[in-house]
């Protein structure tokens, strides 16, 4: 089953993303743990990190970095619980 899709993303402080999903939920995803992986190395640049956009069923940066949709939805925290 495909998780809810992101409709909108907003960059927050400290490498966090506020995501509005198509089911109406607003969740916060913390990217800090991902930044340790070589695939996400460029995202340590805050200016580049801020270029994130919604792309299909997930979020993506211009050089192809993206997040598994299941990871994005299942490991983000509802904003009201944050």
PDB file of N, CA and C in Angstrom:
ATOM      1  N   UNK A   1       0.839  -1.187   0.000  1.00  0.00           N
ATOM      2  CA  UNK A   1       0.000   0.000   0.000  1.00  0.00           C
ATOM      3  C   UNK A   1       0.887   1.254   0.000  1.00  0.00           C
ATOM      4  N   UNK A   2       0.538   2.185  -0.834  1.00  0.00           N
ATOM      5  CA  UNK A   2       1.297   3.435  -0.900  1.00  0.00           C
ATOM      6  C   UNK A   2       0.853   4.337   0.254  1.00  0.00           C
ATOM      7  N   UNK A   3       1.815   4.886   0.995  1.00  0.00           N
ATOM      8  CA  UNK A   3       1.461   5.791   2.097  1.00  0.00           C
ATOM      9  C   UNK A   3       0.886   7.092   1.543  1.00  0.00           C
ATOM     10  N   UNK A   4       0.259   7.897   2.404  1.00  0.00           N
ATOM     11  CA  UNK A   4      -0.219   9.200   1.940  1.00  0.00           C
ATOM     12  C   UNK A   4       0.913   9.968   1.254  1.00  0.00           C
ATOM     13  N   UNK A   5       0.563  10.723   0.239  1.00  0.00           N
ATOM     14  CA  UNK A   5       1.557  11.468  -0.534  1.00  0.00           C
ATOM     15  C   UNK A   5       1.721  12.883  -0.002  1.00  0.00           C
ATOM     16  N   UNK A   6       2.938  13.382  -0.043  1.00  0.00           N
ATOM     17  CA  UNK A   6       3.138  14.779   0.374  1.00  0.00           C
ATOM     18  C   UNK A   6       2.549  15.733  -0.665  1.00  0.00           C
ATOM     19  N   UNK A   7       1.923  16.781  -0.182  1.00  0.00           N
ATOM     20  CA  UNK A   7       1.375  17.815  -1.065  1.00  0.00           C
ATOM     21  C   UNK A   7       2.193  19.091  -0.984  1.00  0.00           C
ATOM     22  N   UNK A   8       2.793  19.320   0.191  1.00  0.00           N
ATOM     23  CA  UNK A   8       3.522  20.569   0.425  1.00  0.00           C
ATOM     24  C   UNK A   8       4.626  20.287   1.430  1.00  0.00           C
ATOM     25  N   UNK A   9       5.762  20.964   1.258  1.00  0.00           N
ATOM     26  CA  UNK A   9       6.864  20.811   2.200  1.00  0.00           C
ATOM     27  C   UNK A   9       7.402  22.189   2.569  1.00  0.00           C
ATOM     28  N   UNK A  10       7.756  22.333   3.826  1.00  0.00           N
ATOM     29  CA  UNK A  10       8.349  23.568   4.334  1.00  0.00           C
ATOM     30  C   UNK A  10       9.584  23.195   5.145  1.00  0.00           C
ATOM     31  N   UNK A  11      10.687  23.884   4.876  1.00  0.00           N
ATOM     32  CA  UNK A  11      11.927  23.632   5.607  1.00  0.00           C
ATOM     33  C   UNK A  11      11.878  24.374   6.936  1.00  0.00           C
ATOM     34  N   UNK A  12      12.176  23.655   8.015  1.00  0.00           N
ATOM     35  CA  UNK A  12      12.243  24.237   9.352  1.00  0.00           C
ATOM     36  C   UNK A  12      13.704  24.275   9.797  1.00  0.00           C
ATOM     37  N   UNK A  13      13.945  24.844  10.954  1.00  0.00           N
ATOM     38  CA  UNK A  13      15.301  24.881  11.509  1.00  0.00           C
ATOM     39  C   UNK A  13      15.788  23.476  11.837  1.00  0.00           C
ATOM     40  N   UNK A  14      17.085  23.331  11.929  1.00  0.00           N
ATOM     41  CA  UNK A  14      17.729  22.113  12.416  1.00  0.00           C
ATOM     42  C   UNK A  14      17.426  20.888  11.546  1.00  0.00           C
ATOM     43  N   UNK A  15      17.365  21.075  10.236  1.00  0.00           N
ATOM     44  CA  UNK A  15      17.172  19.995   9.261  1.00  0.00           C
ATOM     45  C   UNK A  15      15.873  19.223   9.470  1.00  0.00           C
ATOM     46  N   UNK A  16      14.832  19.941   9.770  1.00  0.00           N
ATOM     47  CA  UNK A  16      13.512  19.337   9.902  1.00  0.00           C
ATOM     48  C   UNK A  16      12.631  19.821   8.745  1.00  0.00           C
ATOM     49  N   UNK A  17      11.700  18.966   8.351  1.00  0.00           N
ATOM     50  CA  UNK A  17      10.778  19.276   7.275  1.00  0.00           C
ATOM     51  C   UNK A  17       9.346  19.171   7.789  1.00  0.00           C
ATOM     52  N   UNK A  18       8.555  20.170   7.509  1.00  0.00           N
ATOM     53  CA  UNK A  18       7.130  20.134   7.836  1.00  0.00           C
ATOM     54  C   UNK A  18       6.407  19.745   6.548  1.00  0.00           C
ATOM     55  N   UNK A  19       5.669  18.664   6.611  1.00  0.00           N
ATOM     56  CA  UNK A  19       5.054  18.098   5.416  1.00  0.00           C
ATOM     57  C   UNK A  19       3.542  18.021   5.588  1.00  0.00           C
ATOM     58  N   UNK A  20       2.826  18.512   4.581  1.00  0.00           N
ATOM     59  CA  UNK A  20       1.380  18.342   4.515  1.00  0.00           C
ATOM     60  C   UNK A  20       1.117  17.178   3.572  1.00  0.00           C
ATOM     61  N   UNK A  21       0.450  16.143   4.072  1.00  0.00           N
ATOM     62  CA  UNK A  21       0.144  14.964   3.268  1.00  0.00           C
ATOM     63  C   UNK A  21      -1.265  15.063   2.697  1.00  0.00           C
ATOM     64  N   UNK A  22      -1.521  14.278   1.653  1.00  0.00           N
ATOM     65  CA  UNK A  22      -2.816  14.362   0.974  1.00  0.00           C
ATOM     66  C   UNK A  22      -3.986  13.824   1.800  1.00  0.00           C
ATOM     67  N   UNK A  23      -3.710  13.253   2.962  1.00  0.00           N
ATOM     68  CA  UNK A  23      -4.789  12.832   3.864  1.00  0.00           C
ATOM     69  C   UNK A  23      -5.107  13.921   4.899  1.00  0.00           C
ATOM     70  N   UNK A  24      -4.454  15.093   4.756  1.00  0.00           N
ATOM     71  CA  UNK A  24      -4.706  16.227   5.644  1.00  0.00           C
ATOM     72  C   UNK A  24      -3.784  16.312   6.844  1.00  0.00           C
ATOM     73  N   UNK A  25      -2.965  15.293   7.065  1.00  0.00           N
ATOM     74  CA  UNK A  25      -2.053  15.309   8.211  1.00  0.00           C
ATOM     75  C   UNK A  25      -0.857  16.222   7.939  1.00  0.00           C
ATOM     76  N   UNK A  26      -0.456  16.963   8.970  1.00  0.00           N
ATOM     77  CA  UNK A  26       0.778  17.740   8.925  1.00  0.00           C
ATOM     78  C   UNK A  26       1.752  17.066   9.875  1.00  0.00           C
ATOM     79  N   UNK A  27       2.913  16.695   9.336  1.00  0.00           N
ATOM     80  CA  UNK A  27       3.889  15.967  10.127  1.00  0.00           C
ATOM     81  C   UNK A  27       5.255  16.617   9.999  1.00  0.00           C
ATOM     82  N   UNK A  28       6.102  16.338  10.992  1.00  0.00           N
ATOM     83  CA  UNK A  28       7.478  16.842  11.009  1.00  0.00           C
ATOM     84  C   UNK A  28       8.414  15.653  10.824  1.00  0.00           C
ATOM     85  N   UNK A  29       9.321  15.784   9.850  1.00  0.00           N
ATOM     86  CA  UNK A  29      10.320  14.741   9.602  1.00  0.00           C
ATOM     87  C   UNK A  29      11.689  15.328   9.899  1.00  0.00           C
ATOM     88  N   UNK A  30      12.451  14.647  10.737  1.00  0.00           N
ATOM     89  CA  UNK A  30      13.789  15.085  11.128  1.00  0.00           C
ATOM     90  C   UNK A  30      14.818  14.389  10.235  1.00  0.00           C
ATOM     91  N   UNK A  31      15.534  15.167   9.434  1.00  0.00           N
ATOM     92  CA  UNK A  31      16.508  14.621   8.483  1.00  0.00           C
ATOM     93  C   UNK A  31      17.892  14.395   9.081  1.00  0.00           C
ATOM     94  N   UNK A  32      18.124  14.806  10.321  1.00  0.00           N
ATOM     95  CA  UNK A  32      19.489  14.742  10.876  1.00  0.00           C
ATOM     96  C   UNK A  32      20.107  13.344  10.802  1.00  0.00           C
ATOM     97  N   UNK A  33      19.334  12.312  11.082  1.00  0.00           N
ATOM     98  CA  UNK A  33      19.892  10.955  11.042  1.00  0.00           C
ATOM     99  C   UNK A  33      20.293  10.575   9.618  1.00  0.00           C
ATOM    100  N   UNK A  34      19.575  11.065   8.621  1.00  0.00           N
ATOM    101  CA  UNK A  34      19.878  10.758   7.225  1.00  0.00           C
ATOM    102  C   UNK A  34      21.185  11.402   6.772  1.00  0.00           C
ATOM    103  N   UNK A  35      21.515  12.546   7.345  1.00  0.00           N
ATOM    104  CA  UNK A  35      22.680  13.303   6.894  1.00  0.00           C
ATOM    105  C   UNK A  35      23.994  12.575   7.135  1.00  0.00           C
ATOM    106  N   UNK A  36      23.974  11.553   7.954  1.00  0.00           N
ATOM    107  CA  UNK A  36      25.179  10.757   8.223  1.00  0.00           C
ATOM    108  C   UNK A  36      25.491   9.812   7.063  1.00  0.00           C
ATOM    109  N   UNK A  37      24.486   9.537   6.231  1.00  0.00           N
ATOM    110  CA  UNK A  37      24.666   8.633   5.098  1.00  0.00           C
ATOM    111  C   UNK A  37      25.304   9.387   3.930  1.00  0.00           C
ATOM    112  N   UNK A  38      26.180   8.717   3.214  1.00  0.00           N
ATOM    113  CA  UNK A  38      26.893   9.324   2.097  1.00  0.00           C
ATOM    114  C   UNK A  38      25.937   9.855   1.021  1.00  0.00           C
ATOM    115  N   UNK A  39      24.827   9.148   0.781  1.00  0.00           N
ATOM    116  CA  UNK A  39      23.840   9.552  -0.228  1.00  0.00           C
ATOM    117  C   UNK A  39      23.309  10.964   0.029  1.00  0.00           C
ATOM    118  N   UNK A  40      23.215  11.353   1.291  1.00  0.00           N
ATOM    119  CA  UNK A  40      22.647  12.653   1.670  1.00  0.00           C
ATOM    120  C   UNK A  40      23.717  13.692   2.001  1.00  0.00           C
ATOM    121  N   UNK A  41      24.956  13.421   1.683  1.00  0.00           N
ATOM    122  CA  UNK A  41      26.078  14.288   2.045  1.00  0.00           C
ATOM    123  C   UNK A  41      25.863  15.759   1.654  1.00  0.00           C
ATOM    124  N   UNK A  42      25.358  16.013   0.441  1.00  0.00           N
ATOM    125  CA  UNK A  42      25.152  17.393  -0.030  1.00  0.00           C
ATOM    126  C   UNK A  42      24.124  18.159   0.803  1.00  0.00           C
ATOM    127  N   UNK A  43      23.228  17.429   1.456  1.00  0.00           N
ATOM    128  CA  UNK A  43      22.165  18.089   2.221  1.00  0.00           C
ATOM    129  C   UNK A  43      22.683  18.768   3.481  1.00  0.00           C
ATOM    130  N   UNK A  44      23.927  18.503   3.836  1.00  0.00           N
ATOM    131  CA  UNK A  44      24.523  19.208   4.971  1.00  0.00           C
ATOM    132  C   UNK A  44      24.694  20.694   4.671  1.00  0.00           C
ATOM    133  N   UNK A  45      24.692  21.053   3.406  1.00  0.00           N
ATOM    134  CA  UNK A  45      24.715  22.453   3.005  1.00  0.00           C
ATOM    135  C   UNK A  45      23.296  22.990   3.177  1.00  0.00           C
ATOM    136  N   UNK A  46      23.100  23.903   4.110  1.00  0.00           N
ATOM    137  CA  UNK A  46      21.752  24.388   4.436  1.00  0.00           C
ATOM    138  C   UNK A  46      21.053  25.035   3.247  1.00  0.00           C
ATOM    139  N   UNK A  47      21.811  25.693   2.381  1.00  0.00           N
ATOM    140  CA  UNK A  47      21.198  26.331   1.209  1.00  0.00           C
ATOM    141  C   UNK A  47      20.667  25.275   0.240  1.00  0.00           C
ATOM    142  N   UNK A  48      21.437  24.225   0.054  1.00  0.00           N
ATOM    143  CA  UNK A  48      20.996  23.130  -0.807  1.00  0.00           C
ATOM    144  C   UNK A  48      19.826  22.386  -0.163  1.00  0.00           C
ATOM    145  N   UNK A  49      19.892  22.176   1.128  1.00  0.00           N
ATOM    146  CA  UNK A  49      18.819  21.487   1.852  1.00  0.00           C
ATOM    147  C   UNK A  49      17.478  22.184   1.624  1.00  0.00           C
ATOM    148  N   UNK A  50      17.500  23.505   1.575  1.00  0.00           N
ATOM    149  CA  UNK A  50      16.274  24.292   1.419  1.00  0.00           C
ATOM    150  C   UNK A  50      15.648  24.188   0.033  1.00  0.00           C
ATOM    151  N   UNK A  51      16.318  23.522  -0.914  1.00  0.00           N
ATOM    152  CA  UNK A  51      15.767  23.389  -2.264  1.00  0.00           C
ATOM    153  C   UNK A  51      14.831  22.195  -2.412  1.00  0.00           C
ATOM    154  N   UNK A  52      14.500  21.519  -1.334  1.00  0.00           N
ATOM    155  CA  UNK A  52      13.622  20.349  -1.374  1.00  0.00           C
ATOM    156  C   UNK A  52      12.275  20.711  -2.007  1.00  0.00           C
ATOM    157  N   UNK A  53      11.703  19.733  -2.718  1.00  0.00           N
ATOM    158  CA  UNK A  53      10.392  19.938  -3.327  1.00  0.00           C
ATOM    159  C   UNK A  53       9.616  18.625  -3.320  1.00  0.00           C
ATOM    160  N   UNK A  54       8.312  18.735  -3.463  1.00  0.00           N
ATOM    161  CA  UNK A  54       7.469  17.554  -3.594  1.00  0.00           C
ATOM    162  C   UNK A  54       7.688  16.997  -4.996  1.00  0.00           C
ATOM    163  N   UNK A  55       7.877  15.692  -5.077  1.00  0.00           N
ATOM    164  CA  UNK A  55       8.093  15.039  -6.363  1.00  0.00           C
ATOM    165  C   UNK A  55       7.390  13.684  -6.345  1.00  0.00           C
ATOM    166  N   UNK A  56       6.285  13.592  -7.024  1.00  0.00           N
ATOM    167  CA  UNK A  56       5.540  12.328  -7.064  1.00  0.00           C
ATOM    168  C   UNK A  56       5.029  11.926  -5.697  1.00  0.00           C
ATOM    169  N   UNK A  57       5.505  10.765  -5.218  1.00  0.00           N
ATOM    170  CA  UNK A  57       5.017  10.246  -3.929  1.00  0.00           C
ATOM    171  C   UNK A  57       5.952  10.566  -2.775  1.00  0.00           C
ATOM    172  N   UNK A  58       6.960  11.414  -3.013  1.00  0.00           N
ATOM    173  CA  UNK A  58       7.925  11.709  -1.954  1.00  0.00           C
ATOM    174  C   UNK A  58       8.478  13.118  -2.102  1.00  0.00           C
ATOM    175  N   UNK A  59       9.600  13.371  -1.423  1.00  0.00           N
ATOM    176  CA  UNK A  59      10.316  14.648  -1.514  1.00  0.00           C
ATOM    177  C   UNK A  59      11.641  14.399  -2.209  1.00  0.00           C
ATOM    178  N   UNK A  60      12.135  15.436  -2.898  1.00  0.00           N
ATOM    179  CA  UNK A  60      13.346  15.263  -3.674  1.00  0.00           C
ATOM    180  C   UNK A  60      14.136  16.567  -3.747  1.00  0.00           C
ATOM    181  N   UNK A  61      15.451  16.415  -3.901  1.00  0.00           N
ATOM    182  CA  UNK A  61      16.351  17.538  -4.135  1.00  0.00           C
ATOM    183  C   UNK A  61      16.840  17.462  -5.575  1.00  0.00           C
ATOM    184  N   UNK A  62      17.407  18.546  -6.084  1.00  0.00           N
ATOM    185  CA  UNK A  62      17.706  18.639  -7.521  1.00  0.00           C
ATOM    186  C   UNK A  62      18.723  17.620  -8.027  1.00  0.00           C
ATOM    187  N   UNK A  63      19.598  17.127  -7.186  1.00  0.00           N
ATOM    188  CA  UNK A  63      20.583  16.142  -7.635  1.00  0.00           C
ATOM    189  C   UNK A  63      20.120  14.699  -7.412  1.00  0.00           C
ATOM    190  N   UNK A  64      18.840  14.523  -7.107  1.00  0.00           N
ATOM    191  CA  UNK A  64      18.267  13.187  -7.023  1.00  0.00           C
ATOM    192  C   UNK A  64      18.114  12.593  -5.643  1.00  0.00           C
ATOM    193  N   UNK A  65      18.590  13.281  -4.610  1.00  0.00           N
ATOM    194  CA  UNK A  65      18.383  12.769  -3.256  1.00  0.00           C
ATOM    195  C   UNK A  65      16.875  12.765  -2.978  1.00  0.00           C
ATOM    196  N   UNK A  66      16.390  11.666  -2.444  1.00  0.00           N
ATOM    197  CA  UNK A  66      14.984  11.569  -2.088  1.00  0.00           C
ATOM    198  C   UNK A  66      14.847  10.701  -0.846  1.00  0.00           C
ATOM    199  N   UNK A  67      13.624  10.550  -0.399  1.00  0.00           N
ATOM    200  CA  UNK A  67      13.360   9.780   0.818  1.00  0.00           C
ATOM    201  C   UNK A  67      12.324   8.716   0.482  1.00  0.00           C
ATOM    202  N   UNK A  68      12.559   7.508   0.935  1.00  0.00           N
ATOM    203  CA  UNK A  68      11.589   6.440   0.742  1.00  0.00           C
ATOM    204  C   UNK A  68      10.237   6.908   1.289  1.00  0.00           C
ATOM    205  N   UNK A  69       9.160   6.801   0.510  1.00  0.00           N
ATOM    206  CA  UNK A  69       7.846   7.298   0.963  1.00  0.00           C
ATOM    207  C   UNK A  69       7.378   6.676   2.274  1.00  0.00           C
ATOM    208  N   UNK A  70       7.661   5.381   2.475  1.00  0.00           N
ATOM    209  CA  UNK A  70       7.274   4.736   3.735  1.00  0.00           C
ATOM    210  C   UNK A  70       8.042   5.350   4.906  1.00  0.00           C
ATOM    211  N   UNK A  71       9.339   5.556   4.715  1.00  0.00           N
ATOM    212  CA  UNK A  71      10.173   6.191   5.743  1.00  0.00           C
ATOM    213  C   UNK A  71       9.651   7.581   6.055  1.00  0.00           C
ATOM    214  N   UNK A  72       9.371   8.333   5.020  1.00  0.00           N
ATOM    215  CA  UNK A  72       8.927   9.714   5.181  1.00  0.00           C
ATOM    216  C   UNK A  72       7.645   9.801   6.005  1.00  0.00           C
ATOM    217  N   UNK A  73       6.679   8.987   5.683  1.00  0.00           N
ATOM    218  CA  UNK A  73       5.396   9.053   6.381  1.00  0.00           C
ATOM    219  C   UNK A  73       5.452   8.384   7.750  1.00  0.00           C
ATOM    220  N   UNK A  74       5.986   7.170   7.797  1.00  0.00           N
ATOM    221  CA  UNK A  74       5.948   6.390   9.039  1.00  0.00           C
ATOM    222  C   UNK A  74       6.872   6.912  10.127  1.00  0.00           C
ATOM    223  N   UNK A  75       7.926   7.615   9.763  1.00  0.00           N
ATOM    224  CA  UNK A  75       8.884   8.095  10.761  1.00  0.00           C
ATOM    225  C   UNK A  75       8.854   9.602  10.942  1.00  0.00           C
ATOM    226  N   UNK A  76       7.759  10.197  10.557  1.00  0.00           N
ATOM    227  CA  UNK A  76       7.556  11.607  10.875  1.00  0.00           C
ATOM    228  C   UNK A  76       6.510  11.683  11.991  1.00  0.00           C
ATOM    229  N   UNK A  77       6.527  12.791  12.682  1.00  0.00           N
ATOM    230  CA  UNK A  77       5.676  12.958  13.872  1.00  0.00           C
ATOM    231  C   UNK A  77       4.575  13.962  13.563  1.00  0.00           C
ATOM    232  N   UNK A  78       3.356  13.613  13.928  1.00  0.00           N
ATOM    233  CA  UNK A  78       2.253  14.567  13.752  1.00  0.00           C
ATOM    234  C   UNK A  78       2.625  15.887  14.399  1.00  0.00           C
ATOM    235  N   UNK A  79       2.381  16.966  13.694  1.00  0.00           N
ATOM    236  CA  UNK A  79       2.781  18.277  14.201  1.00  0.00           C
ATOM    237  C   UNK A  79       2.174  18.564  15.577  1.00  0.00           C
ATOM    238  N   UNK A  80       0.957  18.154  15.784  1.00  0.00           N
ATOM    239  CA  UNK A  80       0.294  18.415  17.079  1.00  0.00           C
ATOM    240  C   UNK A  80       0.958  17.668  18.224  1.00  0.00           C
ATOM    241  N   UNK A  81       1.706  16.593  17.916  1.00  0.00           N
ATOM    242  CA  UNK A  81       2.412  15.825  18.947  1.00  0.00           C
ATOM    243  C   UNK A  81       3.870  16.211  19.068  1.00  0.00           C
ATOM    244  N   UNK A  82       4.312  17.124  18.236  1.00  0.00           N
ATOM    245  CA  UNK A  82       5.731  17.467  18.187  1.00  0.00           C
ATOM    246  C   UNK A  82       6.130  18.357  19.309  1.00  0.00           C
TER     247      UNK A  82
END
